[in-house]
Amino acid sequence: MIKTALFVRLEAKPGKAAEVENFLRGGLPLVEQEPATLAWFGIRLGPTTFGIFDAFPDESGRQAHLSGKVAAALMAKAPELLAQPPAIEKADVLAVKLPA
C-alpha cells in the first residue's frame, strides 16, 4: 500500500533541458533496483521545467530512496544542470489507483 510520496521540481539551466531529460530517462534502471519505490515518474512540466514523482509504502521507503543512487546522482549533477537546487516536497498519499 502506498502511503508516502515525493514531488521534486527541477528547473534546467539555459541550454540544459535535453540533458535533464536524459538524466531522468537514465534514472529509471536505478530506481527499478529500489524495492520500496513502488511508483516513479520522471515528468516534463514545460520547456525547462521537469519533475519527479515517486511513491512509497512508508517513511522508511521514502528515506531509503532519498539516500539512494538516483538521489545521489541528482545532487551531484544539480550544479551543472539545474538553475536552482531541486525543490523536494514530501507528501502523504490519500488515495491511489494503480493497475492490478
Protein backbone atom coordinates (compact mmCIF):
# COMPACT_ATOMS: atom_id res chain seq x y z
CA MET A 1 0.00 0.00 0.00
CA ILE A 2 1.29 3.47 -0.89
CA LYS A 3 1.27 5.97 1.96
CA THR A 4 4.08 8.46 1.30
CA ALA A 5 5.46 10.27 -1.74
CA LEU A 6 7.91 12.86 -3.00
CA PHE A 7 7.46 15.56 -5.62
CA VAL A 8 10.73 17.07 -6.84
CA ARG A 9 10.65 20.12 -9.12
CA LEU A 10 13.66 20.64 -11.39
CA GLU A 11 14.40 23.79 -13.40
CA ALA A 12 17.03 23.28 -16.10
CA LYS A 13 19.72 25.86 -16.76
CA PRO A 14 19.52 27.52 -20.18
CA GLY A 15 20.63 25.02 -22.81
CA LYS A 16 20.50 22.05 -20.39
CA ALA A 17 16.89 20.84 -20.84
CA ALA A 18 17.88 17.91 -23.05
CA GLU A 19 20.48 16.82 -20.51
CA VAL A 20 17.93 16.95 -17.67
CA GLU A 21 15.53 14.89 -19.79
CA ASN A 22 18.27 12.33 -20.48
CA PHE A 23 19.15 12.23 -16.77
CA LEU A 24 15.55 11.41 -15.88
CA ARG A 25 15.30 8.73 -18.54
CA GLY A 26 18.58 7.23 -17.34
CA GLY A 27 17.43 7.18 -13.72
CA LEU A 28 14.77 4.52 -14.31
CA PRO A 29 17.10 1.49 -14.16
CA LEU A 30 18.49 2.72 -10.82
CA VAL A 31 15.02 3.21 -9.35
CA GLU A 32 13.96 -0.24 -10.52
CA GLN A 33 16.55 -1.60 -8.06
CA GLU A 34 14.75 0.07 -5.11
CA PRO A 35 12.15 -2.36 -3.77
CA ALA A 36 10.41 0.27 -1.63
CA THR A 37 9.95 2.70 -4.55
CA LEU A 38 6.54 1.46 -5.68
CA ALA A 39 5.94 4.13 -8.34
CA TRP A 40 8.35 6.55 -10.02
CA PHE A 41 7.68 9.10 -12.72
CA GLY A 42 10.12 11.42 -14.48
CA ILE A 43 7.97 14.20 -15.98
CA ARG A 44 8.28 17.33 -18.08
CA LEU A 45 6.13 20.26 -16.97
CA GLY A 46 7.35 22.82 -19.52
CA PRO A 47 10.26 23.67 -21.83
CA THR A 48 12.78 23.82 -18.97
CA THR A 49 10.75 22.55 -16.02
CA PHE A 50 10.84 18.90 -15.02
CA GLY A 51 9.77 16.85 -12.06
CA ILE A 52 9.99 13.54 -10.31
CA PHE A 53 7.04 11.97 -8.53
CA ASP A 54 7.62 8.81 -6.59
CA ALA A 55 5.63 6.83 -4.04
CA PHE A 56 6.47 4.52 -1.16
CA PRO A 57 4.76 2.23 1.35
CA ASP A 58 6.08 4.16 4.35
CA GLU A 59 8.58 6.71 5.63
CA SER A 60 11.45 4.21 5.70
CA GLY A 61 10.96 3.53 1.98
CA ARG A 62 10.96 7.24 1.26
CA GLN A 63 14.13 7.74 3.28
CA ALA A 64 15.81 4.81 1.54
CA HIS A 65 15.06 6.47 -1.80
CA LEU A 66 16.39 9.83 -0.61
CA SER A 67 19.60 8.03 0.37
CA GLY A 68 19.75 6.01 -2.85
CA LYS A 69 21.70 6.15 -6.09
CA VAL A 70 19.29 8.36 -8.07
CA ALA A 71 19.16 10.99 -5.33
CA ALA A 72 22.95 10.97 -5.05
CA ALA A 73 23.33 11.30 -8.83
CA LEU A 74 20.80 14.14 -8.93
CA MET A 75 22.57 16.09 -6.21
CA ALA A 76 25.93 15.54 -7.94
CA LYS A 77 24.60 16.79 -11.31
CA ALA A 78 22.41 19.61 -9.91
CA PRO A 79 25.06 22.37 -10.06
CA GLU A 80 25.82 21.55 -13.70
CA LEU A 81 22.24 21.02 -14.96
CA LEU A 82 19.86 22.98 -12.75
CA ALA A 83 19.18 26.70 -12.42
CA GLN A 84 18.43 26.21 -8.70
CA PRO A 85 18.61 23.33 -6.22
CA PRO A 86 15.89 20.68 -6.60
CA ALA A 87 12.72 21.62 -4.71
CA ILE A 88 11.89 18.45 -2.77
CA GLU A 89 8.42 18.20 -1.24
CA LYS A 90 7.28 15.33 0.97
CA ALA A 91 3.64 14.28 0.67
CA ASP A 92 1.21 11.90 2.30
CA VAL A 93 -0.80 9.85 -0.20
CA LEU A 94 -4.53 9.97 0.49
CA ALA A 95 -5.86 7.81 -2.35
CA VAL A 96 -4.31 5.58 -5.03
CA LYS A 97 -5.35 3.84 -8.23
CA LEU A 98 -2.76 1.54 -9.78
CA PRO A 99 -3.05 -1.25 -12.34
CA ALA A 100 -3.99 -4.60 -10.84
